[in-house]
N, C-alpha and C. Protein backbone atom coordinates (compact mmCIF):
# COMPACT_ATOMS: atom_id res chain seq x y z
N UNK A 1 147.85 117.71 198.62
CA UNK A 1 147.11 116.69 199.25
C UNK A 1 145.60 117.09 199.23
N UNK A 2 144.96 115.96 199.22
CA UNK A 2 143.34 116.40 199.15
C UNK A 2 142.84 116.25 200.66
N UNK A 3 141.77 116.97 200.45
CA UNK A 3 140.67 117.26 201.62
C UNK A 3 140.06 116.04 202.20
N UNK A 4 139.91 115.88 203.53
CA UNK A 4 139.10 115.03 203.75
C UNK A 4 137.69 114.58 203.06
N UNK A 5 137.28 115.65 202.81
CA UNK A 5 135.65 115.51 202.10
C UNK A 5 136.00 115.01 200.73
N UNK A 6 136.85 115.59 200.03
CA UNK A 6 137.24 115.03 198.90
C UNK A 6 137.63 113.60 198.91
N UNK A 7 138.33 113.38 199.72
CA UNK A 7 138.71 111.74 199.97
C UNK A 7 137.45 110.86 200.29
N UNK A 8 136.84 111.16 201.15
CA UNK A 8 135.53 110.61 201.60
C UNK A 8 134.23 110.33 200.30
N UNK A 9 134.42 111.34 199.39
CA UNK A 9 133.42 111.43 198.52
C UNK A 9 133.72 110.64 197.18
N UNK A 10 135.16 110.45 197.06
CA UNK A 10 135.68 109.57 196.07
C UNK A 10 135.62 108.41 196.59
N UNK A 11 135.75 107.81 197.80
CA UNK A 11 135.80 106.51 198.37
C UNK A 11 134.14 106.07 198.29
N UNK A 12 133.01 106.95 198.46
CA UNK A 12 132.01 106.47 198.70
C UNK A 12 131.38 106.29 197.00
N UNK A 13 132.08 107.23 196.12
CA UNK A 13 131.68 107.23 194.78
C UNK A 13 132.33 105.89 193.89
N UNK A 14 133.46 105.67 194.36
CA UNK A 14 134.51 104.64 193.65
C UNK A 14 134.68 103.35 194.21
N UNK A 15 134.48 103.10 195.45
CA UNK A 15 134.75 101.91 196.18
C UNK A 15 134.60 100.75 195.53
N UNK A 16 133.17 100.59 195.03
CA UNK A 16 132.69 99.42 194.72
C UNK A 16 133.54 99.08 193.29
N UNK A 17 133.63 100.16 192.41
CA UNK A 17 134.18 100.05 191.16
C UNK A 17 135.66 99.38 191.64
N UNK A 18 136.37 99.98 192.10
CA UNK A 18 137.85 99.68 192.58
C UNK A 18 137.84 98.29 193.01
N UNK A 19 137.06 97.82 194.10
CA UNK A 19 137.21 96.53 194.56
C UNK A 19 136.66 95.50 193.59
N UNK A 20 135.74 95.75 192.66
CA UNK A 20 135.33 94.79 191.75
C UNK A 20 136.39 94.61 190.59
N UNK A 21 137.01 95.68 190.25
CA UNK A 21 138.24 95.78 189.10
C UNK A 21 139.32 94.82 189.74
N UNK A 22 139.68 95.34 191.24
CA UNK A 22 140.82 94.27 191.62
C UNK A 22 140.31 92.85 192.04
N UNK A 23 139.15 92.32 192.16
CA UNK A 23 138.86 91.27 191.94
C UNK A 23 138.89 90.31 190.91
N UNK A 24 138.55 91.27 189.72
CA UNK A 24 138.69 90.63 188.42
C UNK A 24 140.34 90.24 188.34
N UNK A 25 140.75 91.28 188.50
CA UNK A 25 142.45 90.90 188.23
C UNK A 25 143.17 89.85 189.28
N UNK A 26 142.86 90.07 190.55
CA UNK A 26 143.54 89.49 191.44
C UNK A 26 143.02 88.30 192.19
N UNK A 27 141.60 88.24 192.02
CA UNK A 27 141.11 86.87 192.51
C UNK A 27 141.25 86.40 193.96
N UNK A 28 141.54 87.46 194.64
CA UNK A 28 141.88 87.17 196.22
C UNK A 28 141.31 88.72 196.74
N UNK A 29 140.77 88.23 198.02
CA UNK A 29 140.10 89.23 198.74
C UNK A 29 141.06 90.21 199.49
N UNK A 30 142.21 89.46 200.19
CA UNK A 30 143.22 90.24 200.91
C UNK A 30 143.94 90.95 199.96
N UNK A 31 144.38 90.69 198.86
CA UNK A 31 145.25 91.56 198.00
C UNK A 31 144.25 92.54 197.48
N UNK A 32 142.82 92.37 197.08
CA UNK A 32 141.91 93.46 196.82
C UNK A 32 142.01 94.40 197.54
N UNK A 33 141.94 94.23 198.95
CA UNK A 33 141.95 95.09 199.89
C UNK A 33 143.09 95.81 200.05
N UNK A 34 144.53 95.15 199.97
CA UNK A 34 145.70 95.82 199.83
C UNK A 34 145.46 96.70 198.81
N UNK A 35 145.17 96.51 197.74
CA UNK A 35 145.48 97.46 196.45
C UNK A 35 144.52 98.70 196.33
N UNK A 36 143.28 98.25 196.99
CA UNK A 36 142.10 99.18 197.34
C UNK A 36 143.04 100.36 198.27
N UNK A 37 143.46 100.11 199.24
CA UNK A 37 143.93 101.09 200.17
C UNK A 37 145.20 101.58 199.41
N UNK A 38 146.10 101.11 198.52
CA UNK A 38 147.00 101.69 197.85
C UNK A 38 146.60 102.80 196.66
N UNK A 39 145.47 102.29 196.21
CA UNK A 39 144.84 103.27 195.13
C UNK A 39 144.40 104.48 195.80
N UNK A 40 143.87 104.41 196.93
CA UNK A 40 143.12 105.74 197.59
C UNK A 40 144.25 106.47 198.55
N UNK A 41 145.23 105.72 198.52
CA UNK A 41 146.44 106.44 199.27
C UNK A 41 147.01 107.21 198.30
N UNK A 42 147.16 106.84 196.84
CA UNK A 42 147.96 107.61 195.93
C UNK A 42 146.82 108.84 195.49
N UNK A 43 145.58 108.33 195.64
CA UNK A 43 144.91 109.48 195.17
C UNK A 43 144.75 110.71 196.35
N UNK A 44 144.94 110.37 197.36
CA UNK A 44 145.00 111.21 198.50
C UNK A 44 146.06 111.97 198.39
N UNK A 45 147.25 111.40 197.79
CA UNK A 45 148.68 112.12 197.84
C UNK A 45 148.94 112.99 196.41
N UNK A 46 147.93 112.64 195.42
CA UNK A 46 148.14 113.21 194.09
C UNK A 46 147.52 114.65 194.42
N UNK A 47 148.45 115.14 193.29
CA UNK A 47 148.15 116.80 193.04
C UNK A 47 147.41 117.03 191.67
N UNK A 48 146.96 115.87 191.35
CA UNK A 48 146.38 116.03 190.03
C UNK A 48 145.01 116.84 190.05
N UNK A 49 144.76 117.94 189.19
CA UNK A 49 143.44 118.42 189.02
C UNK A 49 142.73 117.72 188.05
N UNK A 50 141.53 117.25 188.56
CA UNK A 50 140.84 116.38 187.47
C UNK A 50 139.66 117.54 186.65
N UNK A 51 139.67 117.26 185.52
CA UNK A 51 138.95 118.00 184.51
C UNK A 51 137.45 117.55 185.04
N UNK A 52 137.07 116.64 185.25
CA UNK A 52 135.48 116.34 185.57
C UNK A 52 135.35 114.83 186.11
N UNK A 53 134.24 114.44 186.78
CA UNK A 53 134.18 113.12 187.32
C UNK A 53 134.57 112.00 186.34
N UNK A 54 134.34 112.13 185.11
CA UNK A 54 134.73 110.88 184.23
C UNK A 54 136.27 110.83 184.27
N UNK A 55 136.99 111.86 184.14
CA UNK A 55 138.54 111.94 184.20
C UNK A 55 138.97 111.47 185.65
N UNK A 56 138.34 111.65 186.70
CA UNK A 56 138.74 111.29 187.75
C UNK A 56 138.38 109.76 188.18
N UNK A 57 137.44 109.02 187.50
CA UNK A 57 137.11 107.98 187.51
C UNK A 57 138.18 106.94 186.61
N UNK A 58 138.32 107.63 185.61
CA UNK A 58 139.41 106.93 184.50
C UNK A 58 140.79 106.88 185.35
N UNK A 59 140.90 107.97 185.99
CA UNK A 59 142.42 107.90 186.42
C UNK A 59 142.67 106.97 187.35
N UNK A 60 141.62 106.84 188.46
CA UNK A 60 141.41 105.53 189.52
C UNK A 60 141.47 104.36 188.70
N UNK A 61 140.66 104.19 187.79
CA UNK A 61 140.60 102.73 187.25
C UNK A 61 142.10 102.55 186.76
N UNK A 62 142.67 103.43 185.92
CA UNK A 62 143.96 103.32 185.37
C UNK A 62 145.21 102.79 186.33
N UNK A 63 144.95 103.64 187.86
CA UNK A 63 145.97 103.42 188.76
C UNK A 63 145.82 102.04 189.37
N UNK A 64 144.49 101.64 189.45
CA UNK A 64 143.96 100.24 189.98
C UNK A 64 144.63 99.25 189.07
N UNK A 65 144.53 99.20 187.87
CA UNK A 65 144.93 98.25 187.05
C UNK A 65 146.50 98.06 187.03
N UNK A 66 147.14 99.48 187.21
CA UNK A 66 148.53 99.00 187.16
C UNK A 66 148.96 98.56 188.41
N UNK A 67 148.35 99.28 189.59
CA UNK A 67 148.80 98.73 190.83
C UNK A 67 148.28 97.05 190.99
N UNK A 68 147.36 96.58 190.17
CA UNK A 68 147.27 95.15 190.20
C UNK A 68 148.32 94.54 189.43
N UNK A 69 148.67 94.90 188.35
CA UNK A 69 149.60 94.31 187.60
C UNK A 69 151.07 94.30 188.21
N UNK A 70 151.37 95.50 189.13
CA UNK A 70 152.56 95.36 189.59
C UNK A 70 152.47 94.22 190.78
N UNK A 71 151.48 94.07 191.35
CA UNK A 71 151.40 93.16 192.49
C UNK A 71 151.29 91.66 191.86
N UNK A 72 150.68 91.45 190.58
CA UNK A 72 150.87 90.28 190.07
C UNK A 72 152.34 89.67 189.61
N UNK A 73 153.11 90.82 189.15
CA UNK A 73 154.40 90.43 188.91
C UNK A 73 155.45 90.75 189.84
N UNK A 74 155.25 90.79 191.10
CA UNK A 74 156.13 91.11 191.96
C UNK A 74 156.93 89.68 192.50
N UNK A 75 157.79 89.80 193.08
CA UNK A 75 158.59 88.92 193.55
C UNK A 75 157.89 87.85 194.77
N UNK A 76 157.19 88.87 195.54
CA UNK A 76 156.64 88.11 196.77
C UNK A 76 155.38 87.41 196.84
N UNK A 77 155.02 87.66 195.31
CA UNK A 77 153.48 86.96 195.01
C UNK A 77 153.75 85.66 194.79
N UNK A 78 153.96 84.92 195.67
CA UNK A 78 154.29 83.19 195.49
C UNK A 78 153.07 82.37 195.72
N UNK A 79 151.90 82.80 195.77
CA UNK A 79 150.88 82.07 196.09
C UNK A 79 149.65 82.47 195.27
N UNK A 80 148.55 81.33 195.01
CA UNK A 80 147.34 81.55 194.32
C UNK A 80 146.12 81.12 195.05
N UNK A 81 145.21 81.71 194.94
CA UNK A 81 143.86 81.45 195.93
C UNK A 81 142.85 80.87 194.84
N UNK A 82 142.33 79.57 195.06
CA UNK A 82 141.26 78.95 194.51
C UNK A 82 139.94 79.89 194.15
N UNK A 83 139.70 79.67 192.78
CA UNK A 83 138.29 80.24 192.69
C UNK A 83 137.36 80.22 193.51
N UNK A 84 137.22 78.97 194.12
CA UNK A 84 136.26 78.53 195.26
C UNK A 84 136.18 79.66 196.23
N UNK A 85 137.39 80.01 196.74
CA UNK A 85 137.63 81.02 197.77
C UNK A 85 136.82 82.18 197.58
N UNK A 86 136.90 82.90 196.26
CA UNK A 86 136.53 83.94 195.83
C UNK A 86 134.86 83.76 195.85
N UNK A 87 134.51 82.72 195.53
CA UNK A 87 132.82 82.41 195.32
C UNK A 87 132.29 82.63 196.66
N UNK A 88 133.10 82.39 197.84
CA UNK A 88 132.80 82.51 198.95
C UNK A 88 132.37 83.77 199.90
N UNK A 89 132.93 85.20 199.14
CA UNK A 89 132.86 86.33 199.40
C UNK A 89 131.49 86.85 198.95
N UNK A 90 130.50 86.85 199.71
CA UNK A 90 128.91 87.25 199.24
C UNK A 90 129.04 88.80 198.92
N UNK A 91 129.93 89.55 199.33
CA UNK A 91 129.70 91.07 198.97
C UNK A 91 130.00 91.28 197.53
N UNK A 92 130.71 90.41 196.99
CA UNK A 92 131.22 90.56 195.35
C UNK A 92 130.16 89.97 194.50
N UNK A 93 129.40 88.86 195.02
CA UNK A 93 128.80 88.05 193.84
C UNK A 93 127.36 87.46 193.97
N UNK A 94 126.51 88.05 193.41
CA UNK A 94 124.91 87.68 193.63
C UNK A 94 125.22 86.00 193.38
N UNK A 95 124.37 85.20 193.89
CA UNK A 95 124.43 83.87 193.59
C UNK A 95 124.45 83.46 192.50
N UNK A 96 123.23 84.09 191.51
CA UNK A 96 122.99 83.74 190.28
C UNK A 96 123.99 83.88 189.11
N UNK A 97 125.09 84.73 189.63
CA UNK A 97 126.03 85.22 188.56
C UNK A 97 127.57 84.63 188.55
N UNK A 98 127.23 83.29 189.65
CA UNK A 98 128.60 82.56 189.75
C UNK A 98 129.06 81.98 188.27
N UNK A 99 128.38 81.39 187.59
CA UNK A 99 129.03 80.84 186.34
C UNK A 99 129.50 81.90 185.54
N UNK A 100 128.78 83.06 185.44
CA UNK A 100 129.26 83.82 184.37
C UNK A 100 130.58 84.75 184.92
N UNK A 101 130.68 85.19 186.22
CA UNK A 101 131.76 85.32 186.71
C UNK A 101 132.93 84.34 186.56
N UNK A 102 132.69 83.30 186.95
CA UNK A 102 133.78 82.12 186.65
C UNK A 102 134.33 82.27 185.16
N UNK A 103 133.58 82.36 184.10
CA UNK A 103 133.80 82.49 182.72
C UNK A 103 134.59 83.56 182.46
N UNK A 104 134.30 84.64 183.05
CA UNK A 104 135.08 85.87 182.84
C UNK A 104 136.20 85.86 183.53
N UNK A 105 136.25 85.47 184.58
CA UNK A 105 137.65 85.33 185.48
C UNK A 105 138.45 84.32 184.63
N UNK A 106 138.01 83.46 183.98
CA UNK A 106 138.95 82.45 183.20
C UNK A 106 139.54 82.94 181.85
N UNK A 107 138.96 84.22 181.36
CA UNK A 107 139.48 84.71 180.38
C UNK A 107 141.12 85.27 180.43
N UNK A 108 141.53 85.21 179.42
CA UNK A 108 143.22 85.97 179.62
C UNK A 108 142.95 87.36 180.10
N UNK A 109 143.83 88.14 180.70
CA UNK A 109 143.86 89.43 181.05
C UNK A 109 143.40 90.54 180.37
N UNK A 110 143.81 90.37 178.79
CA UNK A 110 143.47 91.70 178.09
C UNK A 110 141.98 91.55 177.80
N UNK A 111 141.25 90.26 177.83
CA UNK A 111 139.90 90.30 177.35
C UNK A 111 139.09 90.55 178.78
N UNK A 112 139.74 90.19 179.85
CA UNK A 112 139.12 90.66 181.07
C UNK A 112 138.85 92.18 181.35
N UNK A 113 140.00 92.86 181.08
CA UNK A 113 139.97 94.34 181.26
C UNK A 113 138.77 94.87 180.48
N UNK A 114 138.80 94.55 179.13
CA UNK A 114 137.68 95.11 178.42
C UNK A 114 136.04 94.58 178.53
N UNK A 115 136.10 93.28 178.87
CA UNK A 115 134.84 92.80 179.30
C UNK A 115 134.32 93.68 180.61
N UNK A 116 135.15 93.84 181.56
CA UNK A 116 134.76 94.39 183.14
C UNK A 116 134.35 95.88 182.69
N UNK A 117 135.40 96.66 181.90
CA UNK A 117 134.96 98.10 181.59
C UNK A 117 133.62 98.29 180.69
N UNK A 118 133.49 97.31 179.68
CA UNK A 118 132.57 97.65 178.97
C UNK A 118 131.05 97.05 179.43
N UNK A 119 130.96 95.92 180.28
CA UNK A 119 129.72 95.40 180.68
C UNK A 119 129.42 95.60 182.13
N UNK A 120 130.50 95.96 182.90
CA UNK A 120 130.42 96.30 184.37
C UNK A 120 130.31 97.86 184.65
N UNK A 121 131.32 98.52 184.05
CA UNK A 121 131.28 99.72 184.27
C UNK A 121 130.64 100.79 183.04
N UNK A 122 130.03 100.12 181.95
CA UNK A 122 129.36 100.73 180.95
C UNK A 122 130.41 101.95 180.04
N UNK A 123 131.42 101.47 180.12
CA UNK A 123 132.46 102.32 179.11
C UNK A 123 132.17 102.12 177.63
N UNK A 124 132.21 102.80 176.78
CA UNK A 124 131.96 102.75 175.38
C UNK A 124 133.54 102.04 175.04
N UNK A 125 133.95 101.42 173.68
CA UNK A 125 135.23 101.19 173.01
C UNK A 125 135.83 102.60 172.85
N UNK A 126 135.64 103.54 172.70
CA UNK A 126 136.23 104.69 172.41
C UNK A 126 136.96 105.15 173.78
N UNK A 127 136.17 105.09 174.76
CA UNK A 127 136.69 105.40 176.24
C UNK A 127 137.35 104.45 176.76
N UNK A 128 137.21 102.93 176.56
CA UNK A 128 138.10 101.97 177.05
C UNK A 128 139.47 102.44 176.41
N UNK A 129 139.27 102.46 175.01
CA UNK A 129 140.45 102.71 174.19
C UNK A 129 141.45 103.84 175.09
N UNK A 130 140.81 105.10 175.26
CA UNK A 130 141.53 106.01 176.27
C UNK A 130 142.15 105.50 177.31
N UNK A 131 141.21 104.97 178.14
CA UNK A 131 141.59 104.20 179.62
C UNK A 131 142.86 103.44 179.42
N UNK A 132 142.73 102.38 178.55
CA UNK A 132 143.93 101.41 178.14
C UNK A 132 144.97 101.84 177.47
N UNK A 133 144.86 102.70 176.71
CA UNK A 133 145.93 103.12 175.70
C UNK A 133 146.09 102.39 174.50
N UNK A 134 144.89 101.77 174.04
CA UNK A 134 144.96 100.79 173.13
C UNK A 134 144.27 101.59 171.75
N UNK A 135 144.27 101.09 170.77
CA UNK A 135 143.26 101.58 169.61
C UNK A 135 142.19 101.09 169.58
N UNK A 136 141.12 101.87 169.40
CA UNK A 136 139.76 101.94 169.30
C UNK A 136 139.58 100.41 168.72
N UNK A 137 139.87 100.15 167.45
CA UNK A 137 139.70 99.10 166.69
C UNK A 137 140.26 97.61 167.55
N UNK A 138 141.47 97.99 168.22
CA UNK A 138 141.72 96.93 169.06
C UNK A 138 140.95 96.47 170.18
N UNK A 139 140.26 97.45 170.70
CA UNK A 139 139.09 97.23 171.74
C UNK A 139 138.05 96.55 171.21
N UNK A 140 137.32 96.99 170.07
CA UNK A 140 136.29 96.29 169.37
C UNK A 140 136.73 94.97 169.03
N UNK A 141 137.84 94.44 168.59
CA UNK A 141 138.39 93.02 168.46
C UNK A 141 138.36 92.33 169.54
N UNK A 142 139.03 93.15 170.87
CA UNK A 142 139.06 92.30 172.06
C UNK A 142 137.68 91.73 172.44
N UNK A 143 136.76 92.83 172.35
CA UNK A 143 135.49 92.80 172.98
C UNK A 143 134.64 91.61 172.03
N UNK A 144 134.76 91.60 170.85
CA UNK A 144 134.33 90.38 169.76
C UNK A 144 134.95 89.22 170.18
N UNK A 145 136.11 88.94 170.46
CA UNK A 145 136.73 87.65 170.67
C UNK A 145 136.44 87.05 172.09
N UNK A 146 136.28 88.12 173.06
CA UNK A 146 135.77 87.89 174.43
C UNK A 146 134.47 87.27 174.43
N UNK A 147 133.50 87.83 173.53
CA UNK A 147 132.48 87.37 173.54
C UNK A 147 132.23 85.89 173.24
N UNK A 148 132.98 85.62 172.02
CA UNK A 148 132.94 84.36 171.40
C UNK A 148 133.49 83.56 172.44
N UNK A 149 134.68 83.78 173.11
CA UNK A 149 134.95 82.96 174.24
C UNK A 149 134.14 82.62 175.29
N UNK A 150 133.34 83.56 175.94
CA UNK A 150 132.23 83.39 176.65
C UNK A 150 131.14 82.69 176.23
N UNK A 151 130.74 82.95 175.01
CA UNK A 151 129.73 82.32 174.35
C UNK A 151 130.07 80.38 174.28
N UNK A 152 131.11 80.19 174.04
CA UNK A 152 131.88 78.85 173.91
C UNK A 152 131.83 78.31 175.37
N UNK A 153 132.15 79.15 176.43
CA UNK A 153 132.48 78.48 177.82
C UNK A 153 131.01 78.41 178.50
N UNK A 154 130.13 79.37 178.28
CA UNK A 154 128.86 79.47 178.71
C UNK A 154 127.79 78.51 178.05
N UNK A 155 128.27 78.06 176.99
CA UNK A 155 127.29 76.89 176.21
C UNK A 155 126.39 77.57 175.13
N UNK A 156 126.78 78.30 174.22
CA UNK A 156 125.90 78.80 173.12
C UNK A 156 125.25 80.18 173.33
N UNK A 157 124.08 80.53 172.78
CA UNK A 157 123.56 81.71 172.63
C UNK A 157 122.54 82.12 173.99
N UNK A 158 122.52 81.17 174.93
CA UNK A 158 121.73 81.39 176.04
C UNK A 158 122.13 82.62 176.63
N UNK A 159 123.43 82.94 176.85
CA UNK A 159 123.79 84.31 177.58
C UNK A 159 123.97 85.54 176.67
N UNK A 160 123.52 85.64 175.42
CA UNK A 160 123.62 86.72 174.61
C UNK A 160 122.63 87.63 174.84
């Protein structure tokens, strides 16, 4: 089990990343908070010794994505929250980014993951490849296709 100082440091450092990643997957504030707690509980109870901060961050991202996927396919998840309700959460969304976020959230899951990790977390394709367990060329392909989809949704080259 990790010390209180380690846990507090990790929460301070990674809480925004974990919450944003949950919102991208779940599109629901309440579920985001549930998964946030689950991820950090797993962190507290984990005995893994991390090589460096990047390893720790990658582990937290992988645990978050897996927890979100588990929740989404769970039997008890029988309701969906409209995108309008997410847009009302001021902590997650600056007003001028609503259109872009809506376009990103409308992408299929495999594209949302790579877009989030690349543009919001500044990971390179090889790093995303390791985090998601996909071939590097697959990541490049997903990024290219997602850019094209976003370009079409957002109306051309205006957002390039």
